[in-house]
N, C-alpha and C. Protein backbone atom coordinates (compact mmCIF):
# COMPACT_ATOMS: atom_id res chain seq x y z
N UNK A 1 0.85 -1.17 0.00
CA UNK A 1 0.00 0.00 0.00
C UNK A 1 0.90 1.23 0.00
N UNK A 2 0.55 2.18 -0.85
CA UNK A 2 1.37 3.37 -0.98
C UNK A 2 1.10 4.34 0.18
N UNK A 3 2.08 5.17 0.49
CA UNK A 3 1.88 6.16 1.56
C UNK A 3 0.71 7.10 1.28
N UNK A 4 0.51 7.46 0.02
CA UNK A 4 -0.61 8.34 -0.33
C UNK A 4 -1.94 7.68 -0.02
N UNK A 5 -2.05 6.42 -0.35
CA UNK A 5 -3.29 5.68 -0.09
C UNK A 5 -3.52 5.56 1.42
N UNK A 6 -2.48 5.31 2.16
CA UNK A 6 -2.61 5.23 3.63
C UNK A 6 -3.10 6.55 4.20
N UNK A 7 -2.55 7.66 3.72
CA UNK A 7 -2.98 8.98 4.19
C UNK A 7 -4.45 9.24 3.84
N UNK A 8 -4.85 8.86 2.65
CA UNK A 8 -6.23 9.06 2.25
C UNK A 8 -7.18 8.25 3.12
N UNK A 9 -6.83 7.01 3.40
CA UNK A 9 -7.67 6.15 4.25
C UNK A 9 -7.76 6.74 5.66
N UNK A 10 -6.64 7.20 6.18
CA UNK A 10 -6.63 7.79 7.51
C UNK A 10 -7.49 9.06 7.55
N UNK A 11 -7.39 9.88 6.54
CA UNK A 11 -8.16 11.13 6.48
C UNK A 11 -9.65 10.83 6.42
N UNK A 12 -10.06 9.89 5.57
CA UNK A 12 -11.48 9.55 5.47
C UNK A 12 -12.00 8.96 6.77
N UNK A 13 -11.19 8.18 7.45
CA UNK A 13 -11.59 7.60 8.73
C UNK A 13 -11.79 8.69 9.76
N UNK A 14 -10.86 9.62 9.85
CA UNK A 14 -10.98 10.72 10.81
C UNK A 14 -12.18 11.61 10.51
N UNK A 15 -12.39 11.92 9.23
CA UNK A 15 -13.55 12.75 8.87
C UNK A 15 -14.85 12.02 9.19
N UNK A 16 -14.87 10.73 8.98
CA UNK A 16 -16.06 9.94 9.30
C UNK A 16 -16.37 9.95 10.78
N UNK A 17 -15.33 9.80 11.60
CA UNK A 17 -15.54 9.82 13.05
C UNK A 17 -15.98 11.21 13.52
N UNK A 18 -15.40 12.24 12.94
CA UNK A 18 -15.77 13.62 13.31
C UNK A 18 -17.22 13.90 12.93
N UNK A 19 -17.65 13.40 11.79
CA UNK A 19 -19.04 13.61 11.35
C UNK A 19 -20.00 12.91 12.29
N UNK A 20 -19.65 11.72 12.75
CA UNK A 20 -20.52 11.00 13.69
C UNK A 20 -20.67 11.78 14.98
N UNK A 21 -19.59 12.32 15.48
CA UNK A 21 -19.66 13.09 16.72
C UNK A 21 -20.52 14.34 16.53
N UNK A 22 -20.40 14.98 15.40
CA UNK A 22 -21.17 16.19 15.13
C UNK A 22 -22.65 15.87 15.05
N UNK A 23 -23.01 14.81 14.34
CA UNK A 23 -24.42 14.42 14.20
C UNK A 23 -24.98 14.00 15.54
N UNK A 24 -24.19 13.29 16.33
CA UNK A 24 -24.65 12.87 17.66
C UNK A 24 -24.92 14.09 18.53
N UNK A 25 -24.03 15.06 18.51
CA UNK A 25 -24.22 16.28 19.29
C UNK A 25 -25.44 17.07 18.85
N UNK A 26 -25.64 17.15 17.54
CA UNK A 26 -26.81 17.86 17.02
C UNK A 26 -28.09 17.14 17.43
N UNK A 27 -28.07 15.82 17.41
CA UNK A 27 -29.23 15.05 17.83
C UNK A 27 -29.57 15.30 19.29
N UNK A 28 -28.57 15.38 20.14
CA UNK A 28 -28.81 15.67 21.56
C UNK A 28 -29.38 17.07 21.74
N UNK A 29 -28.88 18.04 20.98
CA UNK A 29 -29.39 19.40 21.07
C UNK A 29 -30.86 19.46 20.65
N UNK A 30 -31.18 18.81 19.56
CA UNK A 30 -32.56 18.79 19.07
C UNK A 30 -33.47 18.11 20.08
N UNK A 31 -32.99 17.03 20.68
CA UNK A 31 -33.78 16.32 21.68
C UNK A 31 -34.05 17.21 22.89
N UNK A 32 -33.06 17.95 23.35
CA UNK A 32 -33.26 18.82 24.52
C UNK A 32 -34.23 19.95 24.20
N UNK A 33 -34.19 20.49 22.98
CA UNK A 33 -35.13 21.54 22.58
C UNK A 33 -36.54 20.97 22.54
N UNK A 34 -36.69 19.77 21.99
CA UNK A 34 -38.01 19.13 21.94
C UNK A 34 -38.56 18.88 23.33
N UNK A 35 -37.72 18.48 24.26
CA UNK A 35 -38.16 18.24 25.64
C UNK A 35 -38.60 19.55 26.28
N UNK A 36 -37.86 20.61 26.05
CA UNK A 36 -38.22 21.91 26.62
C UNK A 36 -39.57 22.38 26.08
N UNK A 37 -39.80 22.21 24.80
CA UNK A 37 -41.08 22.61 24.19
C UNK A 37 -42.21 21.76 24.77
N UNK A 38 -41.96 20.47 24.91
CA UNK A 38 -42.97 19.57 25.46
C UNK A 38 -43.29 19.92 26.91
N UNK A 39 -42.28 20.21 27.70
CA UNK A 39 -42.49 20.60 29.11
C UNK A 39 -43.28 21.90 29.20
N UNK A 40 -42.98 22.84 28.32
CA UNK A 40 -43.70 24.12 28.32
C UNK A 40 -45.16 23.92 27.91
N UNK A 41 -45.40 23.07 26.95
CA UNK A 41 -46.77 22.82 26.49
C UNK A 41 -47.61 22.13 27.57
N UNK A 42 -46.98 21.28 28.38
CA UNK A 42 -47.70 20.55 29.41
C UNK A 42 -48.05 21.43 30.61
N UNK A 43 -47.29 22.50 30.84
CA UNK A 43 -47.54 23.31 32.03
C UNK A 43 -48.40 24.52 31.76
């Protein structure tokens, strides 16, 4: 395997992991906003 190919694989892996963390964080934010709206509607 060439060094260029190794670098490309490593870069794609890191970007993939970073994207998962970002999506997970956004999902938690959306969930907390939904809970706040639901709590406000119930009271």
